[in-house]
Amino acid sequence: MPTRYQFKVNLFGPDADPQAIGEEIEALIDKRKEHVTAEELIAAARPRVSALHPCFTFDDPLAADKWRKHEARRLTNQLHLADKKDPDKATRTRAFVYGIIPATKGSASSCRPGARWRGPSSASKWSSRPSSSCNGR
């Protein structure tokens, strides 16, 4: 039986077919008879006919802006509160968290102090669930 592929969460839009993408990546690996690098995946995705194409942003100014947003989320995701007893160590408490802004119907998120997050009652402009990952939108 062939391998079946499915996205855990489709972050790539309706044109991204997980089965076709999985098969294309599998074919690239079989062709090389080993692993495939990120650079090789990007090269394979450049043609518009590639199943991988919808998963990448080939408009360079837009891609650069998306990358900077990713870096900003990664930065705030990695910043934690310092331990009160040992200020050189980080606690497990994030200093900042992202949450979905309800007025945007899930199309935008914003950052707020993580130590103050106490659920929906503490945030009138936020949805009741903070984003589980800062790598989303």
N, C-alpha and C. Protein backbone atom coordinates (compact mmCIF):
# COMPACT_ATOMS: atom_id res chain seq x y z
N MET A 1 0.85 -1.18 0.00
CA MET A 1 0.00 0.00 0.00
C MET A 1 0.89 1.24 0.00
N PRO A 2 0.59 2.23 -0.86
CA PRO A 2 1.41 3.45 -0.92
C PRO A 2 1.26 4.27 0.36
N THR A 3 2.28 5.05 0.64
CA THR A 3 2.26 5.94 1.80
C THR A 3 1.22 7.03 1.58
N ARG A 4 0.41 7.30 2.60
CA ARG A 4 -0.58 8.38 2.53
C ARG A 4 -0.02 9.57 3.30
N TYR A 5 -0.18 10.76 2.74
CA TYR A 5 0.32 11.99 3.35
C TYR A 5 -0.85 12.92 3.66
N GLN A 6 -0.73 13.63 4.76
CA GLN A 6 -1.74 14.61 5.16
C GLN A 6 -1.05 15.66 6.03
N PHE A 7 -1.47 16.92 5.93
CA PHE A 7 -0.94 17.97 6.78
C PHE A 7 -1.53 17.81 8.18
N LYS A 8 -0.73 18.06 9.18
CA LYS A 8 -1.28 18.14 10.53
C LYS A 8 -2.18 19.37 10.58
N VAL A 9 -1.67 20.49 10.10
CA VAL A 9 -2.42 21.73 9.91
C VAL A 9 -1.97 22.29 8.57
N ASN A 10 -2.90 22.59 7.69
CA ASN A 10 -2.53 23.13 6.38
C ASN A 10 -2.26 24.62 6.51
N LEU A 11 -0.99 24.98 6.51
CA LEU A 11 -0.56 26.38 6.58
C LEU A 11 -0.25 26.94 5.20
N PHE A 12 -0.50 26.14 4.15
CA PHE A 12 -0.03 26.49 2.82
C PHE A 12 -1.13 26.86 1.83
N GLY A 13 -2.38 26.79 2.23
CA GLY A 13 -3.47 27.19 1.37
C GLY A 13 -4.11 26.03 0.63
N PRO A 14 -5.22 26.31 -0.04
CA PRO A 14 -6.00 25.26 -0.70
C PRO A 14 -5.31 24.61 -1.90
N ASP A 15 -4.33 25.28 -2.48
CA ASP A 15 -3.64 24.71 -3.64
C ASP A 15 -2.57 23.69 -3.26
N ALA A 16 -2.25 23.58 -1.97
CA ALA A 16 -1.22 22.65 -1.52
C ALA A 16 -1.86 21.29 -1.26
N ASP A 17 -1.50 20.32 -2.07
CA ASP A 17 -2.03 18.96 -1.96
C ASP A 17 -1.02 18.10 -1.21
N PRO A 18 -1.32 17.74 0.03
CA PRO A 18 -0.32 17.01 0.83
C PRO A 18 0.12 15.69 0.21
N GLN A 19 -0.80 14.98 -0.45
CA GLN A 19 -0.43 13.72 -1.07
C GLN A 19 0.56 13.95 -2.22
N ALA A 20 0.26 14.90 -3.08
CA ALA A 20 1.15 15.21 -4.20
C ALA A 20 2.50 15.72 -3.70
N ILE A 21 2.48 16.52 -2.65
CA ILE A 21 3.73 17.06 -2.08
C ILE A 21 4.58 15.92 -1.51
N GLY A 22 3.96 15.05 -0.74
CA GLY A 22 4.69 13.92 -0.17
C GLY A 22 5.30 13.03 -1.23
N GLU A 23 4.52 12.77 -2.26
CA GLU A 23 5.01 11.93 -3.36
C GLU A 23 6.16 12.61 -4.11
N GLU A 24 6.07 13.92 -4.29
CA GLU A 24 7.15 14.64 -4.99
C GLU A 24 8.43 14.62 -4.16
N ILE A 25 8.31 14.82 -2.86
CA ILE A 25 9.49 14.77 -1.99
C ILE A 25 10.07 13.35 -1.98
N GLU A 26 9.20 12.36 -1.91
CA GLU A 26 9.64 10.97 -1.95
C GLU A 26 10.39 10.68 -3.25
N ALA A 27 9.89 11.18 -4.38
CA ALA A 27 10.55 10.98 -5.67
C ALA A 27 11.91 11.65 -5.71
N LEU A 28 12.02 12.85 -5.11
CA LEU A 28 13.32 13.53 -5.06
C LEU A 28 14.32 12.71 -4.25
N ILE A 29 13.87 12.16 -3.14
CA ILE A 29 14.76 11.34 -2.30
C ILE A 29 15.16 10.08 -3.06
N ASP A 30 14.19 9.43 -3.72
CA ASP A 30 14.50 8.22 -4.49
C ASP A 30 15.48 8.52 -5.62
N LYS A 31 15.30 9.66 -6.29
CA LYS A 31 16.18 10.05 -7.40
C LYS A 31 17.62 10.23 -6.92
N ARG A 32 17.78 10.83 -5.76
CA ARG A 32 19.12 11.07 -5.22
C ARG A 32 19.67 9.85 -4.47
N LYS A 33 18.77 8.94 -4.14
CA LYS A 33 19.11 7.75 -3.37
C LYS A 33 19.67 8.10 -2.00
N GLU A 34 19.21 9.23 -1.48
CA GLU A 34 19.58 9.67 -0.13
C GLU A 34 18.66 10.81 0.30
N HIS A 35 19.10 11.64 1.19
CA HIS A 35 18.30 12.75 1.70
C HIS A 35 18.17 13.88 0.67
N VAL A 36 17.28 14.82 0.97
CA VAL A 36 17.10 16.01 0.13
C VAL A 36 17.29 17.22 1.03
N THR A 37 18.05 18.19 0.57
CA THR A 37 18.30 19.40 1.35
C THR A 37 17.18 20.42 1.15
N ALA A 38 17.13 21.40 2.03
CA ALA A 38 16.16 22.49 1.90
C ALA A 38 16.36 23.22 0.56
N GLU A 39 17.60 23.42 0.18
CA GLU A 39 17.90 24.10 -1.08
C GLU A 39 17.35 23.32 -2.27
N GLU A 40 17.46 21.98 -2.22
CA GLU A 40 16.94 21.15 -3.30
C GLU A 40 15.41 21.17 -3.36
N LEU A 41 14.78 21.23 -2.19
CA LEU A 41 13.32 21.34 -2.16
C LEU A 41 12.87 22.66 -2.77
N ILE A 42 13.56 23.74 -2.43
CA ILE A 42 13.22 25.05 -2.98
C ILE A 42 13.40 25.05 -4.50
N ALA A 43 14.51 24.49 -4.97
CA ALA A 43 14.76 24.42 -6.41
C ALA A 43 13.67 23.61 -7.12
N ALA A 44 13.26 22.52 -6.50
CA ALA A 44 12.21 21.69 -7.10
C ALA A 44 10.86 22.40 -7.09
N ALA A 45 10.66 23.30 -6.14
CA ALA A 45 9.38 24.01 -6.00
C ALA A 45 9.25 25.21 -6.94
N ARG A 46 10.35 25.68 -7.51
CA ARG A 46 10.28 26.89 -8.35
C ARG A 46 9.32 26.79 -9.53
N PRO A 47 9.31 25.70 -10.28
CA PRO A 47 8.35 25.62 -11.40
C PRO A 47 6.91 25.65 -10.88
N ARG A 48 6.08 26.44 -11.52
CA ARG A 48 4.68 26.58 -11.08
C ARG A 48 3.92 25.25 -11.12
N VAL A 49 4.36 24.31 -11.92
CA VAL A 49 3.68 23.02 -12.03
C VAL A 49 4.04 22.08 -10.88
N SER A 50 5.04 22.42 -10.10
CA SER A 50 5.46 21.57 -8.99
C SER A 50 4.40 21.58 -7.89
N ALA A 51 4.14 20.41 -7.31
CA ALA A 51 3.22 20.32 -6.17
C ALA A 51 3.74 21.12 -4.99
N LEU A 52 5.06 21.31 -4.93
CA LEU A 52 5.68 22.05 -3.83
C LEU A 52 5.51 23.56 -3.96
N HIS A 53 5.25 24.04 -5.16
CA HIS A 53 5.23 25.49 -5.43
C HIS A 53 4.33 26.30 -4.49
N PRO A 54 3.10 25.87 -4.17
CA PRO A 54 2.25 26.68 -3.28
C PRO A 54 2.77 26.81 -1.85
N CYS A 55 3.76 26.02 -1.50
CA CYS A 55 4.28 26.03 -0.13
C CYS A 55 5.37 27.08 0.08
N PHE A 56 5.78 27.76 -0.97
CA PHE A 56 6.86 28.73 -0.88
C PHE A 56 6.42 30.07 -1.43
N THR A 57 7.06 31.13 -0.94
CA THR A 57 6.82 32.48 -1.43
C THR A 57 7.99 32.86 -2.33
N PHE A 58 7.74 33.00 -3.61
CA PHE A 58 8.81 33.31 -4.55
C PHE A 58 8.88 34.80 -4.89
N ASP A 59 7.97 35.58 -4.38
CA ASP A 59 8.04 37.04 -4.50
C ASP A 59 9.02 37.50 -3.41
N ASP A 60 10.23 37.90 -3.80
CA ASP A 60 11.29 38.17 -2.83
C ASP A 60 10.96 39.24 -1.79
N PRO A 61 10.39 40.39 -2.14
CA PRO A 61 10.04 41.36 -1.09
C PRO A 61 9.02 40.80 -0.09
N LEU A 62 8.04 40.08 -0.60
CA LEU A 62 7.04 39.48 0.29
C LEU A 62 7.67 38.39 1.15
N ALA A 63 8.54 37.59 0.56
CA ALA A 63 9.22 36.53 1.31
C ALA A 63 10.10 37.13 2.41
N ALA A 64 10.76 38.22 2.10
CA ALA A 64 11.61 38.88 3.11
C ALA A 64 10.77 39.39 4.27
N ASP A 65 9.62 39.96 3.97
CA ASP A 65 8.73 40.46 5.03
C ASP A 65 8.21 39.30 5.88
N LYS A 66 7.81 38.21 5.24
CA LYS A 66 7.35 37.03 5.98
C LYS A 66 8.46 36.50 6.89
N TRP A 67 9.69 36.47 6.39
CA TRP A 67 10.81 35.98 7.19
C TRP A 67 11.04 36.87 8.41
N ARG A 68 10.98 38.18 8.23
CA ARG A 68 11.17 39.08 9.38
C ARG A 68 10.07 38.88 10.42
N LYS A 69 8.84 38.64 9.98
CA LYS A 69 7.76 38.35 10.93
C LYS A 69 8.04 37.05 11.67
N HIS A 70 8.53 36.06 10.94
CA HIS A 70 8.90 34.78 11.57
C HIS A 70 10.00 35.01 12.62
N GLU A 71 10.99 35.82 12.27
CA GLU A 71 12.07 36.11 13.22
C GLU A 71 11.55 36.83 14.46
N ALA A 72 10.61 37.75 14.28
CA ALA A 72 10.04 38.47 15.42
C ALA A 72 9.29 37.51 16.34
N ARG A 73 8.51 36.60 15.76
CA ARG A 73 7.78 35.62 16.57
C ARG A 73 8.75 34.67 17.26
N ARG A 74 9.79 34.27 16.55
CA ARG A 74 10.79 33.37 17.14
C ARG A 74 11.50 34.05 18.30
N LEU A 75 11.81 35.33 18.14
CA LEU A 75 12.46 36.10 19.20
C LEU A 75 11.60 36.12 20.46
N THR A 76 10.35 36.53 20.31
CA THR A 76 9.49 36.61 21.49
C THR A 76 9.15 35.23 22.04
N ASN A 77 9.17 34.22 21.20
CA ASN A 77 8.91 32.85 21.64
C ASN A 77 10.04 32.33 22.53
N GLN A 78 11.24 32.75 22.26
CA GLN A 78 12.40 32.26 23.00
C GLN A 78 12.73 33.06 24.25
N LEU A 79 12.12 34.21 24.42
CA LEU A 79 12.40 35.05 25.57
C LEU A 79 11.51 34.63 26.74
N HIS A 80 12.13 34.21 27.83
CA HIS A 80 11.42 33.74 29.02
C HIS A 80 11.76 34.64 30.20
N LEU A 81 10.96 34.56 31.25
CA LEU A 81 11.25 35.31 32.47
C LEU A 81 12.44 34.68 33.17
N ALA A 82 13.26 35.51 33.80
CA ALA A 82 14.41 35.01 34.55
C ALA A 82 13.95 34.42 35.87
N ASP A 83 14.66 33.40 36.33
CA ASP A 83 14.38 32.77 37.61
C ASP A 83 14.65 33.78 38.73
N LYS A 84 13.75 33.89 39.69
CA LYS A 84 13.93 34.86 40.77
C LYS A 84 15.12 34.52 41.65
N LYS A 85 15.40 33.22 41.85
CA LYS A 85 16.52 32.81 42.69
C LYS A 85 17.84 32.82 41.94
N ASP A 86 17.79 32.56 40.66
CA ASP A 86 19.00 32.54 39.84
C ASP A 86 18.72 33.30 38.54
N PRO A 87 18.94 34.64 38.55
CA PRO A 87 18.59 35.47 37.40
C PRO A 87 19.31 35.11 36.09
N ASP A 88 20.35 34.29 36.15
CA ASP A 88 21.05 33.88 34.94
C ASP A 88 20.36 32.69 34.25
N LYS A 89 19.32 32.14 34.87
CA LYS A 89 18.58 31.02 34.29
C LYS A 89 17.19 31.46 33.91
N ALA A 90 16.71 30.89 32.83
CA ALA A 90 15.35 31.19 32.38
C ALA A 90 14.36 30.24 33.03
N THR A 91 13.17 30.74 33.32
CA THR A 91 12.10 29.88 33.80
C THR A 91 11.38 29.29 32.60
N ARG A 92 10.36 28.49 32.83
CA ARG A 92 9.56 27.93 31.74
C ARG A 92 8.49 28.91 31.29
N THR A 93 8.36 30.04 31.97
CA THR A 93 7.32 31.02 31.66
C THR A 93 7.77 31.95 30.55
N ARG A 94 7.05 31.94 29.46
CA ARG A 94 7.36 32.85 28.36
C ARG A 94 7.11 34.29 28.80
N ALA A 95 8.01 35.16 28.40
CA ALA A 95 7.83 36.58 28.70
C ALA A 95 6.71 37.17 27.87
N PHE A 96 6.50 36.65 26.67
CA PHE A 96 5.48 37.15 25.76
C PHE A 96 4.80 35.97 25.08
N VAL A 97 3.52 36.10 24.78
CA VAL A 97 2.78 35.07 24.04
C VAL A 97 2.02 35.73 22.91
N TYR A 98 1.67 34.94 21.92
CA TYR A 98 0.86 35.43 20.81
C TYR A 98 -0.56 34.95 20.99
N GLY A 99 -1.49 35.77 20.59
CA GLY A 99 -2.90 35.40 20.62
C GLY A 99 -3.57 35.91 19.36
N ILE A 100 -4.63 35.25 19.01
CA ILE A 100 -5.40 35.63 17.82
C ILE A 100 -6.27 36.83 18.18
N ILE A 101 -6.30 37.82 17.31
CA ILE A 101 -7.15 39.00 17.51
C ILE A 101 -8.51 38.68 16.91
N PRO A 102 -9.57 38.54 17.75
CA PRO A 102 -10.88 38.11 17.24
C PRO A 102 -11.44 38.99 16.13
N ALA A 103 -11.23 40.29 16.20
CA ALA A 103 -11.80 41.19 15.19
C ALA A 103 -11.29 40.87 13.79
N THR A 104 -10.15 40.19 13.68
CA THR A 104 -9.58 39.85 12.37
C THR A 104 -10.01 38.47 11.90
N LYS A 105 -10.89 37.81 12.65
CA LYS A 105 -11.38 36.46 12.33
C LYS A 105 -10.22 35.48 12.14
N GLY A 106 -9.20 35.61 12.99
CA GLY A 106 -8.08 34.68 12.96
C GLY A 106 -7.00 35.00 11.95
N SER A 107 -7.10 36.12 11.24
CA SER A 107 -6.11 36.42 10.22
C SER A 107 -4.94 37.22 10.77
N ALA A 108 -4.96 37.58 12.04
CA ALA A 108 -3.86 38.34 12.62
C ALA A 108 -3.67 37.94 14.08
N SER A 109 -2.44 38.08 14.52
CA SER A 109 -2.14 37.80 15.92
C SER A 109 -1.29 38.94 16.46
N SER A 110 -1.23 39.01 17.77
CA SER A 110 -0.41 40.05 18.37
C SER A 110 0.26 39.49 19.61
N CYS A 111 1.26 40.20 20.06
CA CYS A 111 2.08 39.78 21.18
C CYS A 111 1.67 40.54 22.42
N ARG A 112 1.68 39.86 23.57
CA ARG A 112 1.39 40.52 24.84
C ARG A 112 2.24 39.86 25.92
N PRO A 113 2.42 40.52 27.05
CA PRO A 113 3.23 39.92 28.12
C PRO A 113 2.68 38.56 28.53
N GLY A 114 3.51 37.54 28.49
CA GLY A 114 3.09 36.18 28.82
C GLY A 114 2.77 35.99 30.27
N ALA A 115 3.51 36.64 31.15
CA ALA A 115 3.30 36.46 32.58
C ALA A 115 1.93 36.97 33.00
N ARG A 116 1.33 37.85 32.21
CA ARG A 116 0.02 38.40 32.56
C ARG A 116 -1.13 37.62 31.94
N TRP A 117 -0.84 36.67 31.04
CA TRP A 117 -1.90 35.92 30.38
C TRP A 117 -2.61 35.04 31.39
N ARG A 118 -3.89 35.23 31.53
CA ARG A 118 -4.68 34.45 32.46
C ARG A 118 -5.97 33.95 31.80
N GLY A 119 -5.99 33.94 30.49
CA GLY A 119 -7.18 33.47 29.79
C GLY A 119 -8.03 34.61 29.30
N PRO A 120 -9.23 34.31 28.82
CA PRO A 120 -10.06 35.31 28.15
C PRO A 120 -10.48 36.47 29.04
N SER A 121 -10.60 36.25 30.34
CA SER A 121 -11.06 37.33 31.20
C SER A 121 -10.04 38.46 31.31
N SER A 122 -8.77 38.15 31.03
CA SER A 122 -7.74 39.18 31.16
C SER A 122 -7.47 39.93 29.87
N ALA A 123 -8.15 39.56 28.80
CA ALA A 123 -7.83 40.16 27.51
C ALA A 123 -9.08 40.39 26.69
N SER A 124 -9.58 41.59 26.70
CA SER A 124 -10.82 41.87 25.98
C SER A 124 -10.64 41.82 24.47
N LYS A 125 -9.43 42.08 23.96
CA LYS A 125 -9.22 42.12 22.52
C LYS A 125 -8.73 40.78 21.98
N TRP A 126 -8.52 39.80 22.84
CA TRP A 126 -7.94 38.53 22.41
C TRP A 126 -8.95 37.42 22.40
N SER A 127 -8.68 36.43 21.61
CA SER A 127 -9.51 35.24 21.62
C SER A 127 -9.22 34.48 22.91
N SER A 128 -10.04 33.51 23.22
CA SER A 128 -9.88 32.77 24.46
C SER A 128 -8.72 31.79 24.41
N ARG A 129 -8.11 31.65 23.25
CA ARG A 129 -6.98 30.73 23.17
C ARG A 129 -5.76 31.44 22.59
N PRO A 130 -4.65 31.42 23.29
CA PRO A 130 -3.44 31.96 22.69
C PRO A 130 -2.96 31.01 21.60
N SER A 131 -2.26 31.53 20.64
CA SER A 131 -1.72 30.69 19.59
C SER A 131 -0.74 29.73 20.21
N SER A 132 -0.80 28.45 19.81
CA SER A 132 0.09 27.46 20.38
C SER A 132 1.50 27.59 19.84
N SER A 133 1.66 28.30 18.77
CA SER A 133 2.97 28.45 18.17
C SER A 133 3.13 29.85 17.64
N CYS A 134 4.31 30.37 17.77
CA CYS A 134 4.57 31.69 17.22
C CYS A 134 5.06 31.58 15.78
N ASN A 135 5.01 30.42 15.21
CA ASN A 135 5.46 30.24 13.83
C ASN A 135 4.32 30.30 12.84
N GLY A 136 3.13 30.61 13.31
CA GLY A 136 1.98 30.70 12.43
C GLY A 136 1.97 31.98 11.64
N ARG A 137 0.82 32.53 11.43
CA ARG A 137 0.63 33.73 10.62
C ARG A 137 1.53 34.81 11.04
